[in-house]
Amino acid sequence: MNVNGIGAGYPAAGYETRRTGRNVAGGRFAEQAAEAAQATATLHGADEGSGDIAISSWADVVSGSSISVYKTQDFDAANPMYRVKTWDESGNVTEQMVDVSKVNPENCDTAEMYAYTAHLKESGKGSFEDTVLKAAVAKAVKNAEQRNSGSWGFSTKMNWVDIVKDIMQSEYSYGDLKGYMEWQKFLGLLDK
């Protein structure tokens, strides 16, 4: 078998971009990829002078937004409350306190979900990959779905359980049983 013959007749990058472009809603894949490459975001973390400890921080390069979860100085493990700050693309900040015992994964916003999954990690119920990273991937998947139909903000309430079930179904459909099981583990952490 000659390796040089595989895919002969198609310029690899150009063909793949055109093909993917047709499969993305609206066929704007190349435009969206170029926009994302030009985007910037600031990752916020330490909250100087507050005494709060950043336990998780994310930046969304596409939207230019950022979010950080903080353990406050007076944090009480028996009553876990986290300070969550979000920054929009203009640098405007919003702050809220999240009582993770009251977070409902079937109806909560991104700030609540990120505080919830950061707490799962901090309390030893799961690793970073099993908790915080899964929430970020779930949000990215939902962002990609909604990019053409409107804006998804940090304060938009979503059913995260349904998002995870959709991802699990995709993993199963593509035959990625290992990925399916990893998402099933995350789903188990969301069930209260």
C-alpha atoms as a PDB file:
ATOM      1  CA  MET A   1       0.000   0.000   0.000  1.00  0.00           C
ATOM      2  CA  ASN A   2       1.351   3.391  -0.962  1.00  0.00           C
ATOM      3  CA  VAL A   3       0.720   6.074   1.710  1.00  0.00           C
ATOM      4  CA  ASN A   4       1.139   8.825  -0.900  1.00  0.00           C
ATOM      5  CA  GLY A   5      -1.945   7.570  -2.689  1.00  0.00           C
ATOM      6  CA  ILE A   6      -4.321   8.070   0.238  1.00  0.00           C
ATOM      7  CA  GLY A   7      -6.535  11.071  -0.374  1.00  0.00           C
ATOM      8  CA  ALA A   8      -4.926  11.781  -3.742  1.00  0.00           C
ATOM      9  CA  GLY A   9      -6.810  14.316  -5.807  1.00  0.00           C
ATOM     10  CA  TYR A  10      -7.940  16.535  -2.941  1.00  0.00           C
ATOM     11  CA  PRO A  11      -5.954  19.335  -1.376  1.00  0.00           C
ATOM     12  CA  ALA A  12      -6.351  18.176   2.235  1.00  0.00           C
ATOM     13  CA  ALA A  13      -6.907  21.462   4.076  1.00  0.00           C
ATOM     14  CA  GLY A  14      -9.091  23.087   1.428  1.00  0.00           C
ATOM     15  CA  TYR A  15     -11.261  20.027   0.960  1.00  0.00           C
ATOM     16  CA  GLU A  16     -11.738  19.512   4.687  1.00  0.00           C
ATOM     17  CA  THR A  17     -12.650  23.175   5.289  1.00  0.00           C
ATOM     18  CA  ARG A  18     -15.204  23.174   2.480  1.00  0.00           C
ATOM     19  CA  ARG A  19     -16.698  19.892   3.625  1.00  0.00           C
ATOM     20  CA  THR A  20     -16.916  20.983   7.256  1.00  0.00           C
ATOM     21  CA  GLY A  21     -18.307  24.341   6.178  1.00  0.00           C
ATOM     22  CA  ARG A  22     -21.260  22.628   4.542  1.00  0.00           C
ATOM     23  CA  ASN A  23     -21.944  20.596   7.682  1.00  0.00           C
ATOM     24  CA  VAL A  24     -21.977  23.537  10.109  1.00  0.00           C
ATOM     25  CA  ALA A  25     -25.286  25.346  10.530  1.00  0.00           C
ATOM     26  CA  GLY A  26     -25.327  28.192   8.050  1.00  0.00           C
ATOM     27  CA  GLY A  27     -22.155  26.917   6.362  1.00  0.00           C
ATOM     28  CA  ARG A  28     -20.042  29.608   8.036  1.00  0.00           C
ATOM     29  CA  PHE A  29     -17.349  27.352   9.497  1.00  0.00           C
ATOM     30  CA  ALA A  30     -14.414  29.073   7.790  1.00  0.00           C
ATOM     31  CA  GLU A  31     -15.714  32.529   8.794  1.00  0.00           C
ATOM     32  CA  GLN A  32     -16.288  31.461  12.389  1.00  0.00           C
ATOM     33  CA  ALA A  33     -12.846  29.867  12.612  1.00  0.00           C
ATOM     34  CA  ALA A  34     -11.234  33.054  11.280  1.00  0.00           C
ATOM     35  CA  GLU A  35     -13.219  35.198  13.744  1.00  0.00           C
ATOM     36  CA  ALA A  36     -12.184  32.963  16.637  1.00  0.00           C
ATOM     37  CA  ALA A  37      -8.529  33.197  15.607  1.00  0.00           C
ATOM     38  CA  GLN A  38      -8.731  37.012  15.813  1.00  0.00           C
ATOM     39  CA  ALA A  39     -10.592  37.092  19.162  1.00  0.00           C
ATOM     40  CA  THR A  40      -8.926  37.807  22.465  1.00  0.00           C
ATOM     41  CA  ALA A  41      -9.996  37.351  26.059  1.00  0.00           C
ATOM     42  CA  THR A  42      -8.519  38.197  29.417  1.00  0.00           C
ATOM     43  CA  LEU A  43      -8.303  35.387  31.946  1.00  0.00           C
ATOM     44  CA  HIS A  44      -9.058  36.884  35.347  1.00  0.00           C
ATOM     45  CA  GLY A  45      -7.926  35.078  38.462  1.00  0.00           C
ATOM     46  CA  ALA A  46      -6.527  36.546  41.646  1.00  0.00           C
ATOM     47  CA  ASP A  47      -8.723  39.143  43.301  1.00  0.00           C
ATOM     48  CA  GLU A  48      -6.025  41.319  44.833  1.00  0.00           C
ATOM     49  CA  GLY A  49      -6.763  42.721  48.271  1.00  0.00           C
ATOM     50  CA  SER A  50      -9.968  40.743  48.839  1.00  0.00           C
ATOM     51  CA  GLY A  51      -8.342  37.734  50.464  1.00  0.00           C
ATOM     52  CA  ASP A  52     -10.486  35.471  48.276  1.00  0.00           C
ATOM     53  CA  ILE A  53      -8.789  32.504  46.610  1.00  0.00           C
ATOM     54  CA  ALA A  54      -9.463  31.789  42.930  1.00  0.00           C
ATOM     55  CA  ILE A  55     -10.236  28.095  42.575  1.00  0.00           C
ATOM     56  CA  SER A  56     -11.323  28.144  38.928  1.00  0.00           C
ATOM     57  CA  SER A  57     -11.052  30.603  36.060  1.00  0.00           C
ATOM     58  CA  TRP A  58     -12.045  30.424  32.392  1.00  0.00           C
ATOM     59  CA  ALA A  59     -11.856  32.718  29.400  1.00  0.00           C
ATOM     60  CA  ASP A  60     -14.074  32.387  26.342  1.00  0.00           C
ATOM     61  CA  VAL A  61     -11.950  33.528  23.419  1.00  0.00           C
ATOM     62  CA  VAL A  62     -14.889  33.645  21.006  1.00  0.00           C
ATOM     63  CA  SER A  63     -17.045  35.969  23.147  1.00  0.00           C
ATOM     64  CA  GLY A  64     -14.168  37.728  24.930  1.00  0.00           C
ATOM     65  CA  SER A  65     -15.747  36.978  28.304  1.00  0.00           C
ATOM     66  CA  SER A  66     -14.241  35.497  31.445  1.00  0.00           C
ATOM     67  CA  ILE A  67     -15.482  33.898  34.662  1.00  0.00           C
ATOM     68  CA  SER A  68     -13.770  33.095  37.968  1.00  0.00           C
ATOM     69  CA  VAL A  69     -14.940  31.195  41.061  1.00  0.00           C
ATOM     70  CA  TYR A  70     -13.529  32.252  44.433  1.00  0.00           C
ATOM     71  CA  LYS A  71     -13.440  30.741  47.893  1.00  0.00           C
ATOM     72  CA  THR A  72     -14.044  33.640  50.290  1.00  0.00           C
ATOM     73  CA  GLN A  73     -12.037  34.311  53.451  1.00  0.00           C
ATOM     74  CA  ASP A  74     -14.967  33.198  55.585  1.00  0.00           C
ATOM     75  CA  PHE A  75     -15.639  30.011  53.580  1.00  0.00           C
ATOM     76  CA  ASP A  76     -17.495  27.375  55.592  1.00  0.00           C
ATOM     77  CA  ALA A  77     -17.367  23.802  54.241  1.00  0.00           C
ATOM     78  CA  ALA A  78     -20.644  23.025  56.047  1.00  0.00           C
ATOM     79  CA  ASN A  79     -22.355  25.874  54.138  1.00  0.00           C
ATOM     80  CA  PRO A  80     -20.365  26.207  50.883  1.00  0.00           C
ATOM     81  CA  MET A  81     -20.814  29.646  49.308  1.00  0.00           C
ATOM     82  CA  TYR A  82     -18.614  30.832  46.455  1.00  0.00           C
ATOM     83  CA  ARG A  83     -18.119  34.275  44.945  1.00  0.00           C
ATOM     84  CA  VAL A  84     -18.401  34.176  41.162  1.00  0.00           C
ATOM     85  CA  LYS A  85     -17.285  37.064  38.985  1.00  0.00           C
ATOM     86  CA  THR A  86     -17.963  37.357  35.275  1.00  0.00           C
ATOM     87  CA  TRP A  87     -16.439  39.825  32.838  1.00  0.00           C
ATOM     88  CA  ASP A  88     -18.010  40.617  29.487  1.00  0.00           C
ATOM     89  CA  GLU A  89     -16.041  41.472  26.333  1.00  0.00           C
ATOM     90  CA  SER A  90     -15.896  45.147  27.423  1.00  0.00           C
ATOM     91  CA  GLY A  91     -14.480  44.311  30.854  1.00  0.00           C
ATOM     92  CA  ASN A  92     -17.712  45.000  32.739  1.00  0.00           C
ATOM     93  CA  VAL A  93     -17.843  42.791  35.825  1.00  0.00           C
ATOM     94  CA  THR A  94     -20.799  41.110  37.495  1.00  0.00           C
ATOM     95  CA  GLU A  95     -20.498  39.439  40.868  1.00  0.00           C
ATOM     96  CA  GLN A  96     -22.751  36.981  42.649  1.00  0.00           C
ATOM     97  CA  MET A  97     -22.635  34.654  45.627  1.00  0.00           C
ATOM     98  CA  VAL A  98     -23.560  31.037  44.886  1.00  0.00           C
ATOM     99  CA  ASP A  99     -24.791  28.629  47.552  1.00  0.00           C
ATOM    100  CA  VAL A 100     -23.923  25.319  45.891  1.00  0.00           C
ATOM    101  CA  SER A 101     -26.365  23.405  48.097  1.00  0.00           C
ATOM    102  CA  LYS A 102     -29.156  25.242  46.258  1.00  0.00           C
ATOM    103  CA  VAL A 103     -27.847  24.758  42.707  1.00  0.00           C
ATOM    104  CA  ASN A 104     -30.182  22.689  40.536  1.00  0.00           C
ATOM    105  CA  PRO A 105     -28.225  21.337  37.530  1.00  0.00           C
ATOM    106  CA  GLU A 106     -31.515  21.042  35.628  1.00  0.00           C
ATOM    107  CA  ASN A 107     -32.123  24.799  35.892  1.00  0.00           C
ATOM    108  CA  CYS A 108     -29.092  26.942  36.595  1.00  0.00           C
ATOM    109  CA  ASP A 109     -26.869  29.467  34.892  1.00  0.00           C
ATOM    110  CA  THR A 110     -23.214  29.136  33.968  1.00  0.00           C
ATOM    111  CA  ALA A 111     -21.969  30.929  37.093  1.00  0.00           C
ATOM    112  CA  GLU A 112     -23.926  28.526  39.299  1.00  0.00           C
ATOM    113  CA  MET A 113     -22.773  25.462  37.337  1.00  0.00           C
ATOM    114  CA  TYR A 114     -19.128  26.520  37.400  1.00  0.00           C
ATOM    115  CA  ALA A 115     -19.336  27.146  41.177  1.00  0.00           C
ATOM    116  CA  TYR A 116     -21.050  23.773  41.605  1.00  0.00           C
ATOM    117  CA  THR A 117     -18.436  21.838  39.614  1.00  0.00           C
ATOM    118  CA  ALA A 118     -15.564  23.745  41.260  1.00  0.00           C
ATOM    119  CA  HIS A 119     -17.037  22.684  44.611  1.00  0.00           C
ATOM    120  CA  LEU A 120     -17.216  19.052  43.450  1.00  0.00           C
ATOM    121  CA  LYS A 121     -13.509  19.257  42.620  1.00  0.00           C
ATOM    122  CA  GLU A 122     -12.584  21.095  45.832  1.00  0.00           C
ATOM    123  CA  SER A 123     -14.510  18.624  48.009  1.00  0.00           C
ATOM    124  CA  GLY A 124     -12.742  15.651  46.370  1.00  0.00           C
ATOM    125  CA  LYS A 125     -15.822  14.227  44.623  1.00  0.00           C
ATOM    126  CA  GLY A 126     -14.091  14.342  41.264  1.00  0.00           C
ATOM    127  CA  SER A 127     -10.949  15.418  39.494  1.00  0.00           C
ATOM    128  CA  PHE A 128     -10.631  18.611  37.462  1.00  0.00           C
ATOM    129  CA  GLU A 129     -11.283  16.571  34.309  1.00  0.00           C
ATOM    130  CA  ASP A 130     -14.362  14.893  35.837  1.00  0.00           C
ATOM    131  CA  THR A 131     -15.983  18.116  37.015  1.00  0.00           C
ATOM    132  CA  VAL A 132     -14.792  21.571  36.008  1.00  0.00           C
ATOM    133  CA  LEU A 133     -13.544  20.621  32.555  1.00  0.00           C
ATOM    134  CA  LYS A 134     -16.746  18.716  31.750  1.00  0.00           C
ATOM    135  CA  ALA A 135     -18.837  21.814  32.609  1.00  0.00           C
ATOM    136  CA  ALA A 136     -16.637  23.971  30.354  1.00  0.00           C
ATOM    137  CA  VAL A 137     -16.941  21.478  27.484  1.00  0.00           C
ATOM    138  CA  ALA A 138     -20.728  21.256  27.957  1.00  0.00           C
ATOM    139  CA  LYS A 139     -20.957  25.056  27.762  1.00  0.00           C
ATOM    140  CA  ALA A 140     -18.766  25.119  24.641  1.00  0.00           C
ATOM    141  CA  VAL A 141     -20.989  22.523  22.971  1.00  0.00           C
ATOM    142  CA  LYS A 142     -24.118  24.525  23.820  1.00  0.00           C
ATOM    143  CA  ASN A 143     -22.403  27.745  22.677  1.00  0.00           C
ATOM    144  CA  ALA A 144     -21.664  26.173  19.298  1.00  0.00           C
ATOM    145  CA  GLU A 145     -25.282  25.068  18.929  1.00  0.00           C
ATOM    146  CA  GLN A 146     -26.673  28.479  19.848  1.00  0.00           C
ATOM    147  CA  ARG A 147     -24.184  30.739  18.109  1.00  0.00           C
ATOM    148  CA  ASN A 148     -26.459  31.129  15.086  1.00  0.00           C
ATOM    149  CA  SER A 149     -29.719  31.402  17.029  1.00  0.00           C
ATOM    150  CA  GLY A 150     -28.756  33.996  19.611  1.00  0.00           C
ATOM    151  CA  SER A 151     -26.619  34.789  22.568  1.00  0.00           C
ATOM    152  CA  TRP A 152     -25.977  32.578  25.544  1.00  0.00           C
ATOM    153  CA  GLY A 153     -24.852  34.613  28.519  1.00  0.00           C
ATOM    154  CA  PHE A 154     -23.498  33.584  31.883  1.00  0.00           C
ATOM    155  CA  SER A 155     -26.906  34.339  33.432  1.00  0.00           C
ATOM    156  CA  THR A 156     -28.955  32.218  31.002  1.00  0.00           C
ATOM    157  CA  LYS A 157     -30.582  29.320  32.869  1.00  0.00           C
ATOM    158  CA  MET A 158     -30.093  25.970  31.156  1.00  0.00           C
ATOM    159  CA  ASN A 159     -30.775  22.314  31.810  1.00  0.00           C
ATOM    160  CA  TRP A 160     -27.205  21.036  32.117  1.00  0.00           C
ATOM    161  CA  VAL A 161     -28.412  17.461  32.611  1.00  0.00           C
ATOM    162  CA  ASP A 162     -30.032  17.525  29.157  1.00  0.00           C
ATOM    163  CA  ILE A 163     -26.873  19.024  27.634  1.00  0.00           C
ATOM    164  CA  VAL A 164     -24.791  16.201  29.128  1.00  0.00           C
ATOM    165  CA  LYS A 165     -27.286  13.569  27.943  1.00  0.00           C
ATOM    166  CA  ASP A 166     -27.059  14.994  24.401  1.00  0.00           C
ATOM    167  CA  ILE A 167     -23.257  14.790  24.534  1.00  0.00           C
ATOM    168  CA  MET A 168     -23.486  11.226  25.846  1.00  0.00           C
ATOM    169  CA  GLN A 169     -25.793  10.280  22.970  1.00  0.00           C
ATOM    170  CA  SER A 170     -23.309  11.726  20.486  1.00  0.00           C
ATOM    171  CA  GLU A 171     -20.448   9.791  22.089  1.00  0.00           C
ATOM    172  CA  TYR A 172     -22.496   6.590  21.929  1.00  0.00           C
ATOM    173  CA  SER A 173     -23.577   7.194  18.322  1.00  0.00           C
ATOM    174  CA  TYR A 174     -19.941   7.661  17.266  1.00  0.00           C
ATOM    175  CA  GLY A 175     -18.919   4.480  19.076  1.00  0.00           C
ATOM    176  CA  ASP A 176     -16.825   6.284  21.695  1.00  0.00           C
ATOM    177  CA  LEU A 177     -17.844   4.160  24.661  1.00  0.00           C
ATOM    178  CA  LYS A 178     -14.958   5.429  26.800  1.00  0.00           C
ATOM    179  CA  GLY A 179     -16.133   9.013  26.234  1.00  0.00           C
ATOM    180  CA  TYR A 180     -19.710   7.938  26.907  1.00  0.00           C
ATOM    181  CA  MET A 181     -18.697   6.433  30.266  1.00  0.00           C
ATOM    182  CA  GLU A 182     -16.725   9.554  31.233  1.00  0.00           C
ATOM    183  CA  TRP A 183     -19.778  11.731  30.584  1.00  0.00           C
ATOM    184  CA  GLN A 184     -21.964   9.232  32.451  1.00  0.00           C
ATOM    185  CA  LYS A 185     -19.689   9.677  35.470  1.00  0.00           C
ATOM    186  CA  PHE A 186     -20.185  13.461  35.237  1.00  0.00           C
ATOM    187  CA  LEU A 187     -23.940  12.980  34.932  1.00  0.00           C
ATOM    188  CA  GLY A 188     -23.832  10.930  38.141  1.00  0.00           C
ATOM    189  CA  LEU A 189     -22.164  13.874  39.892  1.00  0.00           C
ATOM    190  CA  LEU A 190     -24.966  16.177  38.725  1.00  0.00           C
ATOM    191  CA  ASP A 191     -27.700  13.928  40.125  1.00  0.00           C
ATOM    192  CA  LYS A 192     -28.451  15.080  43.634  1.00  0.00           C
END
